[in-house]
Protein backbone atom coordinates (compact mmCIF):
# COMPACT_ATOMS: atom_id res chain seq x y z
CA MET A 1 -79.70 -4.97 -96.69
CA SER A 2 -77.32 -2.04 -96.38
CA SER A 3 -73.60 -2.60 -95.92
CA ASP A 4 -73.87 -0.93 -92.49
CA ALA A 5 -76.47 -3.43 -91.32
CA LEU A 6 -74.55 -6.49 -92.54
CA PRO A 7 -72.07 -6.74 -89.63
CA SER A 8 -74.89 -6.55 -87.09
CA ALA A 9 -76.88 -9.20 -88.91
CA LEU A 10 -73.88 -11.52 -89.10
CA ALA A 11 -73.20 -11.00 -85.39
CA ALA A 12 -76.82 -11.86 -84.59
CA VAL A 13 -76.59 -15.06 -86.65
CA LYS A 14 -73.34 -16.01 -84.92
CA GLN A 15 -74.91 -15.46 -81.49
CA SER A 16 -77.95 -17.52 -82.50
CA ILE A 17 -75.71 -20.39 -83.61
CA LYS A 18 -73.79 -20.24 -80.34
CA ASN A 19 -77.01 -20.28 -78.35
CA GLY A 20 -78.19 -23.34 -80.25
CA LEU A 21 -74.89 -25.16 -79.87
CA GLY A 22 -74.82 -24.25 -76.19
CA ALA A 23 -78.31 -25.65 -75.66
CA PHE A 24 -77.33 -28.91 -77.37
CA MET A 25 -74.11 -29.19 -75.40
CA CYS A 26 -75.84 -28.57 -72.07
CA ALA A 27 -78.62 -31.06 -72.90
CA SER A 28 -75.98 -33.69 -73.70
CA ARG A 29 -74.04 -32.87 -70.51
CA LEU A 30 -70.86 -32.48 -72.56
CA ASP A 31 -70.02 -29.31 -70.62
CA GLN A 32 -69.94 -31.26 -67.36
CA ILE A 33 -67.59 -33.83 -68.86
CA LEU A 34 -65.19 -31.16 -70.11
CA LEU A 35 -65.20 -29.30 -66.78
CA HIS A 36 -64.98 -32.30 -64.47
CA ASP A 37 -61.46 -31.39 -63.29
CA ALA A 38 -61.72 -27.60 -63.39
CA ALA A 39 -63.14 -24.58 -61.60
CA VAL A 40 -64.60 -21.33 -62.87
CA VAL A 41 -64.63 -17.92 -61.22
CA VAL A 42 -67.05 -15.42 -62.77
CA ALA A 43 -66.87 -11.65 -62.35
CA PHE A 44 -69.77 -9.18 -62.49
CA HIS A 45 -69.77 -5.41 -62.07
CA ARG A 46 -73.27 -3.92 -62.11
CA ILE A 47 -76.58 -5.80 -61.91
CA GLN A 48 -79.20 -3.49 -63.37
CA ASP A 49 -81.29 -3.00 -66.48
CA ALA A 50 -79.33 -0.72 -68.79
CA PRO A 51 -78.83 0.12 -72.47
CA ALA A 52 -77.09 -2.53 -74.55
CA SER A 53 -74.09 -0.22 -74.92
CA ASP A 54 -73.41 -0.48 -71.17
CA GLY A 55 -70.85 -3.28 -71.19
CA LEU A 56 -70.52 -3.46 -67.40
CA SER A 57 -74.20 -3.96 -66.55
CA VAL A 58 -75.97 -7.32 -66.61
CA ALA A 59 -79.77 -7.13 -66.60
CA VAL A 60 -81.48 -8.37 -63.44
CA ASP A 61 -83.43 -11.03 -65.33
CA MET A 62 -80.30 -12.32 -67.06
CA PHE A 63 -78.48 -12.40 -63.73
CA ALA A 64 -81.27 -14.55 -62.30
CA ARG A 65 -81.11 -16.87 -65.31
CA LEU A 66 -77.35 -17.20 -64.94
CA CYS A 67 -77.64 -17.91 -61.21
CA ARG A 68 -80.19 -20.65 -61.86
CA PHE A 69 -77.82 -22.09 -64.49
CA PHE A 70 -74.90 -21.94 -62.04
CA ALA A 71 -76.94 -23.66 -59.34
CA ASP A 72 -78.16 -26.40 -61.71
CA ARG A 73 -74.90 -27.21 -63.49
CA PHE A 74 -72.04 -26.35 -61.11
CA ARG A 75 -70.94 -26.84 -57.54
CA VAL A 76 -71.25 -23.19 -56.48
CA VAL A 77 -68.89 -22.48 -53.58
CA SER A 78 -67.21 -19.48 -52.03
CA LEU A 79 -64.08 -18.12 -53.65
CA SER A 80 -62.30 -18.94 -50.39
CA GLU A 81 -63.08 -22.63 -50.88
CA ILE A 82 -61.61 -22.65 -54.38
CA VAL A 83 -58.49 -20.90 -53.08
CA THR A 84 -58.19 -23.45 -50.26
CA ARG A 85 -58.50 -26.32 -52.74
CA LEU A 86 -55.74 -24.77 -54.87
CA GLU A 87 -53.53 -24.23 -51.82
CA GLN A 88 -53.96 -27.85 -50.79
CA GLY A 89 -53.84 -29.38 -54.27
CA ARG A 90 -57.32 -30.81 -53.83
CA ARG A 91 -59.58 -31.90 -56.65
CA LEU A 92 -61.67 -29.40 -58.59
CA ASP A 93 -64.87 -30.69 -60.16
CA ARG A 94 -67.13 -28.08 -61.76
CA HIS A 95 -66.69 -25.74 -58.81
CA LEU A 96 -67.79 -22.18 -59.53
CA ALA A 97 -67.38 -18.98 -57.52
CA ILE A 98 -69.30 -15.74 -58.10
CA THR A 99 -67.55 -12.41 -57.65
CA PHE A 100 -68.35 -8.71 -58.12
CA ASP A 101 -65.99 -5.77 -58.64
CA ASP A 102 -65.95 -2.11 -57.55
CA GLY A 103 -68.72 -1.93 -54.94
CA TYR A 104 -71.77 -0.62 -56.79
CA ARG A 105 -74.91 -0.31 -54.67
CA ASP A 106 -76.99 -2.27 -57.17
CA ASN A 107 -75.02 -5.34 -56.08
CA LEU A 108 -76.78 -5.13 -52.73
CA VAL A 109 -80.18 -4.04 -54.08
CA ASN A 110 -80.47 -6.28 -57.14
CA ALA A 111 -77.95 -9.12 -56.85
CA ILE A 112 -78.28 -10.12 -53.20
CA PRO A 113 -82.00 -11.10 -53.41
CA VAL A 114 -81.22 -13.39 -56.35
CA LEU A 115 -78.18 -14.91 -54.65
CA GLU A 116 -80.22 -15.52 -51.51
CA LYS A 117 -83.06 -17.06 -53.52
CA PHE A 118 -80.68 -19.69 -54.90
CA ALA A 119 -78.57 -19.89 -51.70
CA LEU A 120 -75.41 -18.95 -53.60
CA PRO A 121 -72.28 -17.53 -51.93
CA ALA A 122 -70.40 -14.61 -53.49
CA THR A 123 -67.39 -12.36 -52.98
CA PHE A 124 -67.54 -8.57 -53.42
CA PHE A 125 -64.25 -6.88 -54.31
CA VAL A 126 -64.65 -3.24 -53.28
CA VAL A 127 -62.51 -0.15 -53.79
CA SER A 128 -61.93 0.84 -50.18
CA ASP A 129 -61.56 4.62 -50.58
CA TRP A 130 -64.78 4.79 -52.61
CA ILE A 131 -66.96 3.29 -49.88
CA GLY A 132 -69.55 5.81 -48.69
CA THR A 133 -68.47 8.50 -51.16
CA ASP A 134 -69.90 10.12 -54.29
CA ALA A 135 -66.91 8.99 -56.37
CA VAL A 136 -67.63 8.50 -60.05
CA PRO A 137 -65.15 6.19 -61.83
CA TRP A 138 -63.60 7.64 -64.96
CA TRP A 139 -65.39 5.14 -67.22
CA ASP A 140 -68.75 6.28 -65.86
CA ARG A 141 -67.81 9.96 -66.25
CA GLU A 142 -66.84 9.33 -69.87
CA ALA A 143 -70.21 7.66 -70.44
CA GLY A 144 -72.00 10.57 -68.80
CA VAL A 145 -73.52 8.43 -66.04
CA SER A 146 -73.22 8.09 -62.27
CA HIS A 147 -74.04 4.93 -60.36
CA PRO A 148 -74.21 4.95 -56.53
CA LEU A 149 -71.59 3.07 -54.56
CA MET A 150 -72.17 1.17 -51.34
CA THR A 151 -71.79 2.78 -47.93
CA TRP A 152 -69.96 1.21 -45.01
CA ASN A 153 -73.27 0.16 -43.47
CA GLU A 154 -74.17 -1.60 -46.72
CA ILE A 155 -70.77 -3.29 -46.92
CA ARG A 156 -71.26 -4.49 -43.34
CA THR A 157 -74.72 -5.75 -44.30
CA LEU A 158 -73.11 -7.94 -46.97
CA HIS A 159 -70.71 -9.30 -44.37
CA ARG A 160 -73.48 -9.95 -41.84
CA LYS A 161 -75.44 -11.84 -44.48
CA GLY A 162 -72.50 -14.22 -44.87
CA PHE A 163 -71.02 -12.85 -48.08
CA THR A 164 -67.28 -12.24 -48.46
CA VAL A 165 -65.75 -8.80 -48.93
CA GLY A 166 -62.40 -8.63 -50.70
CA ALA A 167 -59.98 -5.88 -51.68
CA HIS A 168 -59.76 -4.13 -55.06
CA THR A 169 -57.13 -1.52 -54.09
CA ARG A 170 -57.85 1.81 -52.44
CA THR A 171 -58.54 3.93 -55.54
CA HIS A 172 -58.75 1.50 -58.49
CA VAL A 173 -55.25 2.19 -59.78
CA ASP A 174 -53.61 0.39 -62.68
CA LEU A 175 -51.08 -1.84 -60.93
CA GLY A 176 -49.35 -2.39 -64.26
CA ARG A 177 -48.25 1.25 -64.14
CA THR A 178 -48.03 1.90 -60.39
CA ALA A 179 -44.98 0.86 -58.39
CA GLY A 180 -43.11 1.19 -55.11
CA GLN A 181 -44.66 2.78 -52.05
CA THR A 182 -47.73 3.93 -53.95
CA ALA A 183 -48.50 0.37 -55.05
CA TRP A 184 -47.93 -0.92 -51.51
CA ASP A 185 -50.30 1.70 -50.07
CA GLU A 186 -52.95 0.75 -52.63
CA ILE A 187 -52.64 -2.98 -51.93
CA ALA A 188 -51.85 -3.30 -48.23
CA GLY A 189 -53.78 -0.13 -47.38
CA ALA A 190 -56.95 -1.54 -48.93
CA ARG A 191 -56.71 -4.64 -46.75
CA ARG A 192 -56.10 -2.58 -43.60
CA ILE A 193 -59.05 -0.28 -44.27
CA LEU A 194 -61.45 -3.14 -45.00
CA GLU A 195 -60.42 -5.14 -41.95
CA GLN A 196 -60.82 -2.10 -39.72
CA GLY A 197 -64.22 -1.27 -41.21
CA LEU A 198 -65.52 -4.84 -41.05
CA ASP A 199 -63.68 -6.01 -37.94
CA ALA A 200 -63.02 -9.19 -39.90
CA PRO A 201 -60.32 -10.63 -42.19
CA ALA A 202 -60.14 -9.46 -45.80
CA ASP A 203 -57.61 -11.77 -47.43
CA LEU A 204 -58.86 -12.05 -51.03
CA PHE A 205 -57.64 -9.63 -53.71
CA ALA A 206 -58.60 -8.80 -57.30
CA TYR A 207 -56.54 -6.26 -59.20
CA PRO A 208 -58.32 -3.47 -61.13
CA TYR A 209 -58.98 -3.71 -64.86
CA GLY A 210 -57.88 -7.33 -64.81
CA ARG A 211 -55.94 -7.61 -68.06
CA ARG A 212 -52.55 -9.30 -68.21
CA ASP A 213 -50.74 -5.96 -68.47
CA ASN A 214 -52.60 -4.40 -65.52
CA LEU A 215 -50.42 -6.08 -62.88
CA ALA A 216 -46.63 -5.90 -62.73
CA GLU A 217 -44.96 -9.00 -61.31
CA ALA A 218 -43.34 -6.89 -58.60
CA ASN A 219 -46.83 -5.86 -57.49
CA ARG A 220 -48.02 -9.46 -57.50
CA ASP A 221 -45.27 -10.07 -54.96
CA LEU A 222 -46.64 -7.16 -52.92
CA VAL A 223 -50.05 -8.82 -52.91
CA ARG A 224 -48.41 -11.88 -51.33
CA ARG A 225 -46.48 -9.75 -48.83
CA ALA A 226 -49.66 -7.94 -47.81
CA GLY A 227 -51.07 -11.26 -46.59
CA PHE A 228 -53.62 -11.95 -49.31
CA ARG A 229 -54.35 -15.55 -50.28
CA CYS A 230 -55.05 -14.94 -53.97
CA CYS A 231 -54.74 -12.45 -56.78
CA CYS A 232 -57.60 -12.54 -59.29
CA SER A 233 -57.36 -11.38 -62.89
CA CYS A 234 -60.34 -10.79 -65.20
CA TYR A 235 -59.36 -11.76 -68.75
CA GLY A 236 -60.98 -15.17 -68.92
CA GLY A 237 -59.73 -18.68 -68.30
CA ILE A 238 -60.43 -21.74 -66.20
CA ALA A 239 -58.62 -22.88 -63.06
CA THR A 240 -57.20 -26.38 -62.69
CA ARG A 241 -55.57 -28.09 -59.74
CA ARG A 242 -52.19 -26.75 -60.93
CA THR A 243 -53.33 -23.10 -60.95
CA ASP A 244 -51.41 -20.77 -58.64
CA PRO A 245 -53.96 -18.81 -56.52
CA PHE A 246 -51.94 -15.66 -57.27
CA TYR A 247 -52.63 -16.19 -60.98
CA LEU A 248 -56.31 -16.99 -60.53
CA PRO A 249 -58.32 -16.38 -63.73
CA ARG A 250 -61.85 -15.02 -63.79
CA VAL A 251 -64.40 -14.92 -66.57
CA PRO A 252 -65.96 -11.44 -66.94
CA ILE A 253 -69.72 -11.55 -67.46
CA SER A 254 -71.18 -8.88 -69.74
CA PRO A 255 -74.20 -8.39 -72.02
CA TRP A 256 -72.15 -10.17 -74.69
CA TYR A 257 -73.54 -13.40 -73.20
CA GLN A 258 -77.07 -13.57 -74.52
CA SER A 259 -78.01 -16.77 -72.71
CA PRO A 260 -76.67 -19.08 -69.99
CA ASN A 261 -76.25 -21.79 -72.66
CA GLN A 262 -73.89 -19.52 -74.59
CA PHE A 263 -71.89 -19.06 -71.39
CA GLY A 264 -71.68 -22.83 -70.99
CA LEU A 265 -70.55 -23.26 -74.59
CA GLU A 266 -67.81 -20.65 -74.28
CA LEU A 267 -66.52 -22.31 -71.11
CA ALA A 268 -66.45 -25.72 -72.74
CA LEU A 269 -64.60 -24.35 -75.77
CA SER A 270 -62.09 -22.66 -73.48
CA ARG A 271 -61.55 -25.92 -71.63
CA ALA A 272 -61.12 -27.86 -74.87
CA GLN A 273 -58.51 -25.35 -76.05
CA THR A 274 -56.68 -25.66 -72.74
CA ASN A 275 -56.61 -29.46 -73.05
CA ALA A 276 -55.31 -29.22 -76.62
CA ALA A 277 -52.50 -26.82 -75.73
């Protein structure tokens, strides 16, 4: 074996071990014991078959497998319900909420049929100024690809079907670098535009990019002032009854997860680390 192939081979072995451990853990129900007082919020971007190098796309078949896993092993609820439980200090017990970021059209075409098949609720965080446009996010331009975004009619279709639409700023700015009036326009303006377009409340917020350094604390305060009920990150983590809804963690789902069992294992390990801290 060449030295270039060795890292890939080792990674494949590591993934295989994780899949096996995950299958054992799920069969023994250990994951349910570890998560009995916690909630998980997962975040997807695109649901489509794509090259392995596309880190934002989850294959349709894998999405269906994950949804079946969620339905079998968690109490899948709306994000609003988890936020309400956190606001009221109510018990969390393997609750899970499904979310999507950015507003790609494949969410409607490929994800909604699967969600409806399993009767699962979901929240779609959309970039308000991109709705109904030919905007191409910078990460897609750099990759030399263009993926269609949803139109207002499609966003309204989501709402009519009973799914939740939340805000993801107006133009997908980095709120770790944006401040003052510009940040306020991005945050409060996104809520105003969505509520006008949907003729319905839009009180859930997820900040773009989702890392710890992508949201200044002053801007988190603006999220509160704008009337949102939560502020979702996207760098991993599990919510407990003590979690502040404005510091709500989400677990990003990418092709890195090769099976639902691996997802379950990673969650259980994360929970065990939290308990040990």
